[in-house]
Every structure is written in C-alpha cells, then in structure tokens.
Amino acid sequence: MIAELELLDWKRRIFDLYAEVRASEPRAGWERWRAVRAELFRDHPQSPSPGYAALAYYDYDPALRFLADVEPVEEQAIEIDGFPFRRFAAATFELGSLELYWLEGYGGGVFLPFADETRGTETYGAGRYLLDTVKGSYLGLEGSRLVLDFNFAYNPSCSYDDRWACPLTPPPNRLPIPVRAGERLE
C-alpha cells in the first residue's frame, strides 16, 4: 500500500477512536483507547514505534480529569520546532493554565502539548500531548468547558522514532507539579 494512504488510514482510526471515547464513560473510554492504541502500534504499517513491545501507562485516575474554562488571550504567532502556530486561548483548571495553539497550516487544528515534573524521568522529556485535533485527539466539551483528561496524555510520535518531526512543549505549558496520568516511559 502507498504510505500516504496508510497514514490516512491511521488518522481515520484515531478519529474514530476518539469519537468512540467521547461517547463512553471516561474510564471505559480510556480502556478502549489503550486497547486500540496497542493494536495500532503493534499491527499498523504507520506505527510510530517500529518493533513495538508495549506502551506503558499510569493507572487511571479520575481526579486527573478536568473541565477547563477557556478564555481568549492576546493572539501571538509562535513557531514550535518549525511548525507555525498561533496562540489564541488559555485553558484554566485546578492545576493551572495551559495555552491553546492553532496550527496555521492547511485545515488548522487545536494543539495542546504539556510537560510536568515527571518529564525526563517518568515521562517523555519533551512533554506529552492532550489535544491535537489535526490527528483527531480531542475529548470534547461539556457545556462550554473543555475536557482535559490527563489519563489520555500521550507521547508524540518523535519519542519513538526519529523519522517523525513533532512540535514539542513550549515553556508556558510546563506545569510545576507531577502529573502521573496517561502514557509514561516503560
């Protein structure tokens, strides 16, 4: 198969997975998310982890699921590792505030990377992703509040293989506390 069509299939499966997760109870959605990710990483030709063995996760913690108030901020063009973004809002919740970025490429998309005090020891050193709507990772809104469930935090593709280029976490999205949820190092 053609690599671009394989990647399209990967993206479609991720979009479908997040639609299924949004329609589920959070813990059941998380268990399904883990199972489908394991299958994709193991069997899909576009797996970001060639030679996949296993993905490691913290145990599910319902206390690390938040509804964030989203407020506009002064817009600012920002380049993150060569990717053009525009900061447009901040999501404020019990652990602090994280900036939301809009990908300025074709089609756009909301991007929310973060890092915390586990980075480099328990989790990927450059941070993890919560939202990347270009790739389908989005847990939705409850009313007007954005769902930020850190149990669904995942490593960027570049953490597995250098053939992938990833925008990493800018300084404003570094939380000064440990967040032991989502994907972790083995």
N, C-alpha and C. Protein backbone atom coordinates (compact mmCIF):
# COMPACT_ATOMS: atom_id res chain seq x y z
N MET A 1 0.84 -1.18 0.00
CA MET A 1 0.00 0.00 0.00
C MET A 1 0.88 1.25 0.00
N ILE A 2 0.36 2.33 -0.49
CA ILE A 2 1.06 3.61 -0.53
C ILE A 2 1.10 4.21 0.88
N ALA A 3 2.29 4.69 1.28
CA ALA A 3 2.49 5.21 2.64
C ALA A 3 1.48 6.29 3.01
N GLU A 4 1.17 7.19 2.07
CA GLU A 4 0.22 8.27 2.38
C GLU A 4 -1.17 7.72 2.68
N LEU A 5 -1.56 6.66 1.98
CA LEU A 5 -2.87 6.06 2.25
C LEU A 5 -2.85 5.28 3.56
N GLU A 6 -1.71 4.70 3.89
CA GLU A 6 -1.58 4.04 5.20
C GLU A 6 -1.71 5.06 6.32
N LEU A 7 -1.07 6.22 6.15
CA LEU A 7 -1.17 7.28 7.15
C LEU A 7 -2.60 7.80 7.25
N LEU A 8 -3.27 7.93 6.13
CA LEU A 8 -4.67 8.34 6.13
C LEU A 8 -5.52 7.34 6.92
N ASP A 9 -5.25 6.06 6.74
CA ASP A 9 -5.98 5.03 7.49
C ASP A 9 -5.70 5.15 8.98
N TRP A 10 -4.45 5.39 9.36
CA TRP A 10 -4.09 5.58 10.78
C TRP A 10 -4.91 6.74 11.36
N LYS A 11 -4.91 7.86 10.65
CA LYS A 11 -5.63 9.04 11.14
C LYS A 11 -7.14 8.76 11.26
N ARG A 12 -7.71 8.07 10.28
CA ARG A 12 -9.13 7.75 10.34
C ARG A 12 -9.43 6.91 11.57
N ARG A 13 -8.58 5.95 11.85
CA ARG A 13 -8.79 5.09 13.02
C ARG A 13 -8.70 5.88 14.33
N ILE A 14 -7.78 6.84 14.38
CA ILE A 14 -7.66 7.67 15.59
C ILE A 14 -8.90 8.56 15.73
N PHE A 15 -9.36 9.17 14.63
CA PHE A 15 -10.58 9.98 14.69
C PHE A 15 -11.75 9.13 15.18
N ASP A 16 -11.90 7.92 14.64
CA ASP A 16 -12.97 7.01 15.05
C ASP A 16 -12.84 6.65 16.52
N LEU A 17 -11.61 6.38 16.96
CA LEU A 17 -11.37 6.02 18.35
C LEU A 17 -11.81 7.14 19.29
N TYR A 18 -11.43 8.38 18.99
CA TYR A 18 -11.80 9.48 19.88
C TYR A 18 -13.31 9.74 19.86
N ALA A 19 -13.97 9.51 18.74
CA ALA A 19 -15.44 9.62 18.71
C ALA A 19 -16.05 8.57 19.63
N GLU A 20 -15.50 7.37 19.61
CA GLU A 20 -15.98 6.31 20.49
C GLU A 20 -15.72 6.67 21.96
N VAL A 21 -14.54 7.21 22.25
CA VAL A 21 -14.18 7.59 23.61
C VAL A 21 -15.12 8.68 24.13
N ARG A 22 -15.41 9.69 23.28
CA ARG A 22 -16.31 10.78 23.70
C ARG A 22 -17.70 10.27 24.04
N ALA A 23 -18.13 9.19 23.41
CA ALA A 23 -19.46 8.63 23.65
C ALA A 23 -19.48 7.65 24.83
N SER A 24 -18.33 7.43 25.46
CA SER A 24 -18.22 6.44 26.53
C SER A 24 -18.07 7.12 27.89
N GLU A 25 -18.29 6.33 28.91
CA GLU A 25 -17.94 6.74 30.28
C GLU A 25 -16.42 6.88 30.30
N PRO A 26 -15.84 7.85 31.04
CA PRO A 26 -14.40 8.12 30.93
C PRO A 26 -13.48 6.91 31.12
N ARG A 27 -13.68 6.13 32.16
CA ARG A 27 -12.76 5.00 32.39
C ARG A 27 -12.90 3.95 31.28
N ALA A 28 -14.13 3.63 30.89
CA ALA A 28 -14.33 2.65 29.81
C ALA A 28 -13.72 3.17 28.51
N GLY A 29 -13.87 4.47 28.25
CA GLY A 29 -13.26 5.08 27.07
C GLY A 29 -11.75 4.97 27.12
N TRP A 30 -11.17 5.18 28.30
CA TRP A 30 -9.72 5.09 28.47
C TRP A 30 -9.24 3.66 28.21
N GLU A 31 -9.97 2.68 28.71
CA GLU A 31 -9.58 1.28 28.48
C GLU A 31 -9.64 0.95 26.99
N ARG A 32 -10.67 1.44 26.30
CA ARG A 32 -10.78 1.22 24.86
C ARG A 32 -9.65 1.93 24.12
N TRP A 33 -9.35 3.15 24.53
CA TRP A 33 -8.27 3.94 23.94
C TRP A 33 -6.95 3.18 24.03
N ARG A 34 -6.65 2.63 25.19
CA ARG A 34 -5.42 1.86 25.38
C ARG A 34 -5.39 0.63 24.48
N ALA A 35 -6.50 -0.08 24.40
CA ALA A 35 -6.56 -1.31 23.60
C ALA A 35 -6.36 -1.02 22.12
N VAL A 36 -7.02 0.01 21.61
CA VAL A 36 -6.89 0.34 20.18
C VAL A 36 -5.49 0.86 19.88
N ARG A 37 -4.94 1.68 20.77
CA ARG A 37 -3.58 2.15 20.55
C ARG A 37 -2.60 0.98 20.52
N ALA A 38 -2.76 0.01 21.40
CA ALA A 38 -1.88 -1.16 21.42
C ALA A 38 -1.98 -1.90 20.09
N GLU A 39 -3.18 -2.07 19.59
CA GLU A 39 -3.39 -2.76 18.31
C GLU A 39 -2.73 -1.98 17.17
N LEU A 40 -2.95 -0.67 17.12
CA LEU A 40 -2.36 0.13 16.06
C LEU A 40 -0.83 0.13 16.13
N PHE A 41 -0.29 0.31 17.32
CA PHE A 41 1.17 0.32 17.46
C PHE A 41 1.77 -1.03 17.07
N ARG A 42 1.07 -2.11 17.35
CA ARG A 42 1.57 -3.45 17.06
C ARG A 42 1.44 -3.81 15.58
N ASP A 43 0.27 -3.49 14.96
CA ASP A 43 -0.06 -4.05 13.65
C ASP A 43 -0.08 -3.08 12.48
N HIS A 44 -0.17 -1.80 12.74
CA HIS A 44 -0.36 -0.87 11.63
C HIS A 44 0.97 -0.50 10.98
N PRO A 45 1.02 -0.44 9.64
CA PRO A 45 2.28 -0.11 8.95
C PRO A 45 2.78 1.31 9.24
N GLN A 46 1.92 2.20 9.73
CA GLN A 46 2.35 3.56 10.06
C GLN A 46 2.61 3.73 11.56
N SER A 47 2.81 2.63 12.27
CA SER A 47 3.10 2.71 13.70
C SER A 47 4.31 3.60 13.93
N PRO A 48 4.22 4.55 14.87
CA PRO A 48 5.39 5.38 15.17
C PRO A 48 6.44 4.61 15.96
N SER A 49 6.13 3.38 16.34
CA SER A 49 7.06 2.59 17.15
C SER A 49 7.40 1.27 16.48
N PRO A 50 8.29 1.30 15.49
CA PRO A 50 8.70 0.05 14.86
C PRO A 50 9.27 -0.91 15.91
N GLY A 51 8.90 -2.16 15.83
CA GLY A 51 9.36 -3.13 16.83
C GLY A 51 8.63 -2.98 18.14
N TYR A 52 7.42 -2.44 18.10
CA TYR A 52 6.60 -2.22 19.28
C TYR A 52 6.62 -3.42 20.23
N ALA A 53 6.79 -3.15 21.49
CA ALA A 53 6.69 -4.20 22.51
C ALA A 53 5.48 -3.93 23.39
N ALA A 54 5.41 -2.75 23.96
CA ALA A 54 4.28 -2.40 24.81
C ALA A 54 4.31 -0.90 25.10
N LEU A 55 3.14 -0.34 25.32
CA LEU A 55 3.03 1.04 25.77
C LEU A 55 2.76 1.00 27.28
N ALA A 56 3.40 1.88 28.00
CA ALA A 56 3.24 1.92 29.46
C ALA A 56 2.36 3.10 29.84
N TYR A 57 1.49 2.88 30.82
CA TYR A 57 0.57 3.91 31.29
C TYR A 57 0.53 3.92 32.81
N TYR A 58 0.24 5.08 33.35
CA TYR A 58 -0.12 5.15 34.75
C TYR A 58 -1.52 4.55 34.90
N ASP A 59 -1.88 4.15 36.11
CA ASP A 59 -3.24 3.69 36.35
C ASP A 59 -4.21 4.85 36.13
N TYR A 60 -5.43 4.51 35.74
CA TYR A 60 -6.44 5.53 35.52
C TYR A 60 -6.72 6.26 36.84
N ASP A 61 -6.77 7.57 36.79
CA ASP A 61 -7.05 8.39 37.97
C ASP A 61 -8.14 9.39 37.63
N PRO A 62 -9.37 9.15 38.11
CA PRO A 62 -10.47 10.07 37.78
C PRO A 62 -10.24 11.50 38.29
N ALA A 63 -9.36 11.67 39.27
CA ALA A 63 -9.07 13.01 39.80
C ALA A 63 -8.26 13.84 38.82
N LEU A 64 -7.74 13.23 37.77
CA LEU A 64 -6.94 13.96 36.79
C LEU A 64 -7.71 14.21 35.49
N ARG A 65 -9.03 14.24 35.61
CA ARG A 65 -9.92 14.64 34.52
C ARG A 65 -10.55 15.96 34.94
N PHE A 66 -10.37 16.99 34.10
CA PHE A 66 -10.81 18.34 34.45
C PHE A 66 -11.69 18.93 33.35
N LEU A 67 -12.51 19.88 33.76
CA LEU A 67 -13.24 20.71 32.81
C LEU A 67 -12.62 22.10 32.92
N ALA A 68 -12.05 22.55 31.83
CA ALA A 68 -11.30 23.81 31.83
C ALA A 68 -12.14 24.95 31.26
N ASP A 69 -12.01 26.10 31.88
CA ASP A 69 -12.58 27.32 31.33
C ASP A 69 -11.61 27.84 30.27
N VAL A 70 -12.12 28.13 29.10
CA VAL A 70 -11.28 28.60 28.01
C VAL A 70 -11.56 30.08 27.79
N GLU A 71 -10.51 30.86 27.87
CA GLU A 71 -10.62 32.30 27.71
C GLU A 71 -9.68 32.74 26.59
N PRO A 72 -10.13 33.67 25.75
CA PRO A 72 -9.23 34.18 24.71
C PRO A 72 -8.06 34.93 25.35
N VAL A 73 -6.93 34.89 24.69
CA VAL A 73 -5.75 35.65 25.11
C VAL A 73 -5.30 36.48 23.92
N GLU A 74 -4.38 37.40 24.17
CA GLU A 74 -3.83 38.16 23.06
C GLU A 74 -3.17 37.19 22.08
N GLU A 75 -3.62 37.20 20.86
CA GLU A 75 -3.09 36.26 19.88
C GLU A 75 -1.63 36.56 19.60
N GLN A 76 -0.89 35.49 19.37
CA GLN A 76 0.53 35.63 19.10
C GLN A 76 0.96 34.52 18.16
N ALA A 77 1.62 34.88 17.08
CA ALA A 77 2.22 33.89 16.19
C ALA A 77 3.40 33.28 16.91
N ILE A 78 3.50 31.98 16.83
CA ILE A 78 4.58 31.28 17.51
C ILE A 78 5.03 30.11 16.64
N GLU A 79 6.31 29.90 16.58
CA GLU A 79 6.84 28.75 15.87
C GLU A 79 7.30 27.74 16.91
N ILE A 80 6.82 26.52 16.80
CA ILE A 80 7.22 25.46 17.72
C ILE A 80 7.91 24.38 16.90
N ASP A 81 9.22 24.32 17.06
CA ASP A 81 10.04 23.32 16.35
C ASP A 81 9.78 23.31 14.85
N GLY A 82 9.67 24.50 14.27
CA GLY A 82 9.50 24.63 12.83
C GLY A 82 8.06 24.61 12.35
N PHE A 83 7.11 24.41 13.25
CA PHE A 83 5.70 24.38 12.88
C PHE A 83 5.05 25.72 13.23
N PRO A 84 4.30 26.32 12.31
CA PRO A 84 3.67 27.62 12.59
C PRO A 84 2.36 27.45 13.37
N PHE A 85 2.28 28.12 14.50
CA PHE A 85 1.08 28.10 15.34
C PHE A 85 0.70 29.53 15.69
N ARG A 86 -0.51 29.67 16.21
CA ARG A 86 -0.98 30.94 16.77
C ARG A 86 -1.60 30.64 18.13
N ARG A 87 -1.03 31.27 19.16
CA ARG A 87 -1.65 31.16 20.49
C ARG A 87 -2.95 31.95 20.45
N PHE A 88 -4.06 31.33 20.87
CA PHE A 88 -5.34 32.02 20.79
C PHE A 88 -6.15 32.00 22.08
N ALA A 89 -5.84 31.09 23.00
CA ALA A 89 -6.64 30.98 24.22
C ALA A 89 -5.82 30.30 25.31
N ALA A 90 -6.38 30.34 26.52
CA ALA A 90 -5.79 29.61 27.64
C ALA A 90 -6.90 28.79 28.29
N ALA A 91 -6.55 27.57 28.65
CA ALA A 91 -7.47 26.66 29.35
C ALA A 91 -7.06 26.65 30.82
N THR A 92 -7.95 27.14 31.69
CA THR A 92 -7.67 27.25 33.11
C THR A 92 -8.47 26.20 33.86
N PHE A 93 -7.79 25.50 34.75
CA PHE A 93 -8.41 24.41 35.51
C PHE A 93 -7.67 24.29 36.84
N GLU A 94 -8.01 23.30 37.65
CA GLU A 94 -7.50 23.19 39.02
C GLU A 94 -5.98 23.12 39.13
N LEU A 95 -5.29 22.61 38.14
CA LEU A 95 -3.83 22.51 38.21
C LEU A 95 -3.10 23.72 37.68
N GLY A 96 -3.82 24.64 37.05
CA GLY A 96 -3.17 25.82 36.48
C GLY A 96 -3.81 26.25 35.18
N SER A 97 -2.98 26.72 34.28
CA SER A 97 -3.46 27.22 33.00
C SER A 97 -2.49 26.75 31.91
N LEU A 98 -3.05 26.31 30.79
CA LEU A 98 -2.25 25.88 29.65
C LEU A 98 -2.70 26.65 28.42
N GLU A 99 -1.73 27.05 27.61
CA GLU A 99 -2.07 27.78 26.39
C GLU A 99 -2.58 26.82 25.32
N LEU A 100 -3.52 27.31 24.52
CA LEU A 100 -4.03 26.58 23.37
C LEU A 100 -3.48 27.23 22.11
N TYR A 101 -3.06 26.39 21.18
CA TYR A 101 -2.44 26.86 19.94
C TYR A 101 -3.27 26.38 18.76
N TRP A 102 -3.29 27.21 17.71
CA TRP A 102 -3.95 26.85 16.46
C TRP A 102 -2.87 26.62 15.42
N LEU A 103 -2.87 25.43 14.80
CA LEU A 103 -1.92 25.14 13.73
C LEU A 103 -2.29 25.99 12.53
N GLU A 104 -1.34 26.75 12.02
CA GLU A 104 -1.60 27.68 10.93
C GLU A 104 -1.48 27.05 9.55
N GLY A 105 -1.24 25.76 9.46
CA GLY A 105 -1.18 25.08 8.17
C GLY A 105 -2.57 24.81 7.64
N TYR A 106 -2.63 24.22 6.46
CA TYR A 106 -3.90 23.92 5.80
C TYR A 106 -4.82 23.16 6.73
N GLY A 107 -6.04 23.61 6.88
CA GLY A 107 -7.02 22.94 7.71
C GLY A 107 -6.95 23.31 9.18
N GLY A 108 -5.79 23.71 9.65
CA GLY A 108 -5.63 24.13 11.03
C GLY A 108 -5.95 23.02 12.02
N GLY A 109 -5.97 23.40 13.27
CA GLY A 109 -6.31 22.46 14.34
C GLY A 109 -5.81 22.96 15.67
N VAL A 110 -6.49 22.56 16.73
CA VAL A 110 -6.11 22.95 18.09
C VAL A 110 -5.03 21.99 18.58
N PHE A 111 -4.04 22.55 19.25
CA PHE A 111 -2.90 21.79 19.74
C PHE A 111 -2.65 22.19 21.18
N LEU A 112 -2.55 21.18 22.07
CA LEU A 112 -2.25 21.44 23.47
C LEU A 112 -1.22 20.42 23.96
N PRO A 113 0.04 20.81 23.88
CA PRO A 113 1.08 19.99 24.49
C PRO A 113 1.29 20.45 25.94
N PHE A 114 1.85 19.57 26.76
CA PHE A 114 2.18 19.98 28.13
C PHE A 114 3.36 19.15 28.61
N ALA A 115 4.03 19.68 29.59
CA ALA A 115 5.08 18.95 30.30
C ALA A 115 4.84 19.16 31.79
N ASP A 116 5.37 18.28 32.57
CA ASP A 116 5.17 18.37 34.02
C ASP A 116 6.44 17.87 34.71
N GLU A 117 6.40 17.76 36.01
CA GLU A 117 7.59 17.39 36.78
C GLU A 117 7.99 15.93 36.62
N THR A 118 7.24 15.13 35.87
CA THR A 118 7.65 13.75 35.60
C THR A 118 8.52 13.66 34.35
N ARG A 119 8.60 14.75 33.58
CA ARG A 119 9.29 14.69 32.29
C ARG A 119 10.77 14.39 32.47
N GLY A 120 11.23 13.51 31.59
CA GLY A 120 12.63 13.13 31.59
C GLY A 120 12.98 11.99 32.55
N THR A 121 12.08 11.69 33.48
CA THR A 121 12.32 10.58 34.41
C THR A 121 11.23 9.52 34.27
N GLU A 122 9.98 9.94 34.39
CA GLU A 122 8.87 9.00 34.29
C GLU A 122 8.14 9.11 32.95
N THR A 123 8.24 10.28 32.31
CA THR A 123 7.55 10.52 31.04
C THR A 123 8.55 11.11 30.04
N TYR A 124 8.11 11.18 28.78
CA TYR A 124 8.98 11.70 27.72
C TYR A 124 9.46 13.11 28.08
N GLY A 125 10.75 13.33 27.93
CA GLY A 125 11.38 14.56 28.38
C GLY A 125 10.89 15.84 27.74
N ALA A 126 10.43 15.77 26.50
CA ALA A 126 9.98 16.98 25.80
C ALA A 126 8.49 17.25 25.98
N GLY A 127 7.81 16.40 26.73
CA GLY A 127 6.40 16.63 27.01
C GLY A 127 5.50 15.63 26.31
N ARG A 128 4.21 15.79 26.59
CA ARG A 128 3.18 14.91 26.02
C ARG A 128 2.08 15.77 25.42
N TYR A 129 1.16 15.13 24.73
CA TYR A 129 0.05 15.82 24.09
C TYR A 129 -1.26 15.47 24.79
N LEU A 130 -2.14 16.47 24.91
CA LEU A 130 -3.52 16.25 25.34
C LEU A 130 -4.48 16.42 24.17
N LEU A 131 -4.24 17.45 23.36
CA LEU A 131 -5.09 17.72 22.20
C LEU A 131 -4.21 17.91 20.97
N ASP A 132 -4.62 17.29 19.89
CA ASP A 132 -4.02 17.52 18.59
C ASP A 132 -5.11 17.18 17.58
N THR A 133 -5.97 18.15 17.32
CA THR A 133 -7.17 17.87 16.52
C THR A 133 -6.84 17.55 15.07
N VAL A 134 -5.67 17.92 14.58
CA VAL A 134 -5.26 17.53 13.24
C VAL A 134 -5.19 16.01 13.17
N LYS A 135 -4.80 15.39 14.26
CA LYS A 135 -4.69 13.94 14.32
C LYS A 135 -5.90 13.28 14.96
N GLY A 136 -6.88 14.07 15.37
CA GLY A 136 -8.11 13.50 15.91
C GLY A 136 -8.18 13.41 17.42
N SER A 137 -7.11 13.73 18.14
CA SER A 137 -7.16 13.58 19.60
C SER A 137 -7.83 14.80 20.22
N TYR A 138 -9.06 14.56 20.64
CA TYR A 138 -9.91 15.62 21.18
C TYR A 138 -11.03 14.96 21.97
N LEU A 139 -11.16 15.31 23.25
CA LEU A 139 -12.16 14.69 24.12
C LEU A 139 -13.45 15.50 24.21
N GLY A 140 -13.50 16.66 23.60
CA GLY A 140 -14.75 17.40 23.51
C GLY A 140 -14.95 18.48 24.56
N LEU A 141 -16.18 18.95 24.60
CA LEU A 141 -16.62 19.98 25.54
C LEU A 141 -17.74 19.40 26.40
N GLU A 142 -17.84 19.90 27.61
CA GLU A 142 -19.02 19.66 28.44
C GLU A 142 -19.58 21.05 28.72
N GLY A 143 -20.70 21.34 28.09
CA GLY A 143 -21.20 22.70 28.11
C GLY A 143 -20.22 23.56 27.34
N SER A 144 -19.73 24.61 27.99
CA SER A 144 -18.74 25.47 27.34
C SER A 144 -17.32 25.20 27.84
N ARG A 145 -17.15 24.14 28.63
CA ARG A 145 -15.84 23.84 29.21
C ARG A 145 -15.15 22.71 28.45
N LEU A 146 -13.86 22.87 28.27
CA LEU A 146 -13.03 21.92 27.53
C LEU A 146 -12.63 20.76 28.43
N VAL A 147 -12.82 19.53 27.95
CA VAL A 147 -12.41 18.35 28.70
C VAL A 147 -10.90 18.17 28.56
N LEU A 148 -10.22 18.19 29.70
CA LEU A 148 -8.79 17.90 29.76
C LEU A 148 -8.62 16.69 30.67
N ASP A 149 -8.51 15.53 30.09
CA ASP A 149 -8.34 14.30 30.86
C ASP A 149 -6.91 13.82 30.66
N PHE A 150 -6.10 14.04 31.68
CA PHE A 150 -4.68 13.71 31.59
C PHE A 150 -4.44 12.21 31.49
N ASN A 151 -5.45 11.41 31.79
CA ASN A 151 -5.32 9.96 31.60
C ASN A 151 -5.11 9.61 30.12
N PHE A 152 -5.50 10.52 29.23
CA PHE A 152 -5.35 10.33 27.79
C PHE A 152 -4.10 11.02 27.24
N ALA A 153 -3.22 11.52 28.10
CA ALA A 153 -1.98 12.15 27.65
C ALA A 153 -1.12 11.09 26.96
N TYR A 154 -0.50 11.48 25.86
CA TYR A 154 0.29 10.51 25.10
C TYR A 154 1.56 11.15 24.57
N ASN A 155 2.54 10.29 24.31
CA ASN A 155 3.83 10.74 23.78
C ASN A 155 3.70 11.10 22.31
N PRO A 156 4.43 12.13 21.88
CA PRO A 156 4.46 12.44 20.45
C PRO A 156 5.19 11.34 19.68
N SER A 157 4.89 11.22 18.41
CA SER A 157 5.49 10.17 17.57
C SER A 157 7.01 10.21 17.58
N CYS A 158 7.59 11.40 17.67
CA CYS A 158 9.04 11.52 17.64
C CYS A 158 9.71 10.90 18.87
N SER A 159 8.94 10.61 19.91
CA SER A 159 9.52 9.96 21.09
C SER A 159 9.86 8.51 20.81
N TYR A 160 9.29 7.95 19.74
CA TYR A 160 9.52 6.55 19.39
C TYR A 160 10.53 6.38 18.27
N ASP A 161 10.56 7.33 17.34
CA ASP A 161 11.37 7.15 16.13
C ASP A 161 11.73 8.52 15.57
N ASP A 162 13.00 8.70 15.24
CA ASP A 162 13.49 9.98 14.72
C ASP A 162 12.94 10.35 13.35
N ARG A 163 12.29 9.43 12.65
CA ARG A 163 11.75 9.78 11.33
C ARG A 163 10.56 10.73 11.45
N TRP A 164 10.01 10.88 12.64
CA TRP A 164 8.87 11.77 12.86
C TRP A 164 9.35 13.10 13.41
N ALA A 165 8.79 14.18 12.94
CA ALA A 165 9.07 15.52 13.47
C ALA A 165 7.86 15.95 14.29
N CYS A 166 8.10 16.45 15.47
CA CYS A 166 6.99 16.80 16.37
C CYS A 166 7.20 18.18 16.99
N PRO A 167 6.15 18.97 17.05
CA PRO A 167 6.24 20.19 17.86
C PRO A 167 6.20 19.79 19.33
N LEU A 168 7.11 20.33 20.09
CA LEU A 168 7.22 19.94 21.50
C LEU A 168 6.61 21.02 22.41
N THR A 169 6.77 20.87 23.69
CA THR A 169 6.08 21.72 24.65
C THR A 169 6.81 23.05 24.88
N PRO A 170 6.15 24.17 24.56
CA PRO A 170 6.76 25.47 24.86
C PRO A 170 6.71 25.76 26.36
N PRO A 171 7.60 26.62 26.86
CA PRO A 171 7.68 26.91 28.29
C PRO A 171 6.35 27.26 28.99
N PRO A 172 5.44 28.04 28.37
CA PRO A 172 4.21 28.36 29.12
C PRO A 172 3.35 27.13 29.48
N ASN A 173 3.58 26.00 28.83
CA ASN A 173 2.76 24.81 29.09
C ASN A 173 3.49 23.76 29.93
N ARG A 174 4.40 24.24 30.75
CA ARG A 174 5.11 23.34 31.67
C ARG A 174 4.54 23.53 33.07
N LEU A 175 3.86 22.48 33.54
CA LEU A 175 3.25 22.53 34.87
C LEU A 175 4.32 22.23 35.92
N PRO A 176 4.32 22.99 37.05
CA PRO A 176 5.37 22.81 38.07
C PRO A 176 5.06 21.70 39.07
N ILE A 177 4.25 20.73 38.65
CA ILE A 177 3.87 19.61 39.51
C ILE A 177 3.94 18.32 38.71
N PRO A 178 4.02 17.17 39.38
CA PRO A 178 3.96 15.92 38.64
C PRO A 178 2.52 15.58 38.27
N VAL A 179 2.32 15.10 37.05
CA VAL A 179 1.00 14.63 36.60
C VAL A 179 1.17 13.17 36.21
N ARG A 180 0.84 12.30 37.14
CA ARG A 180 1.02 10.86 36.94
C ARG A 180 -0.25 10.26 36.36
N ALA A 181 -0.41 10.53 35.06
CA ALA A 181 -1.57 10.03 34.31
C ALA A 181 -1.16 9.92 32.86
N GLY A 182 -1.82 9.03 32.12
CA GLY A 182 -1.54 8.88 30.72
C GLY A 182 -0.32 8.02 30.45
N GLU A 183 0.22 8.21 29.27
CA GLU A 183 1.37 7.40 28.85
C GLU A 183 2.62 7.81 29.63
N ARG A 184 3.42 6.82 29.95
CA ARG A 184 4.68 7.05 30.66
C ARG A 184 5.77 6.25 29.98
N LEU A 185 6.98 6.45 30.44
CA LEU A 185 8.10 5.64 29.95
C LEU A 185 7.97 4.24 30.52
N GLU A 186 8.54 3.27 29.80
CA GLU A 186 8.49 1.88 30.28
C GLU A 186 9.28 1.70 31.54
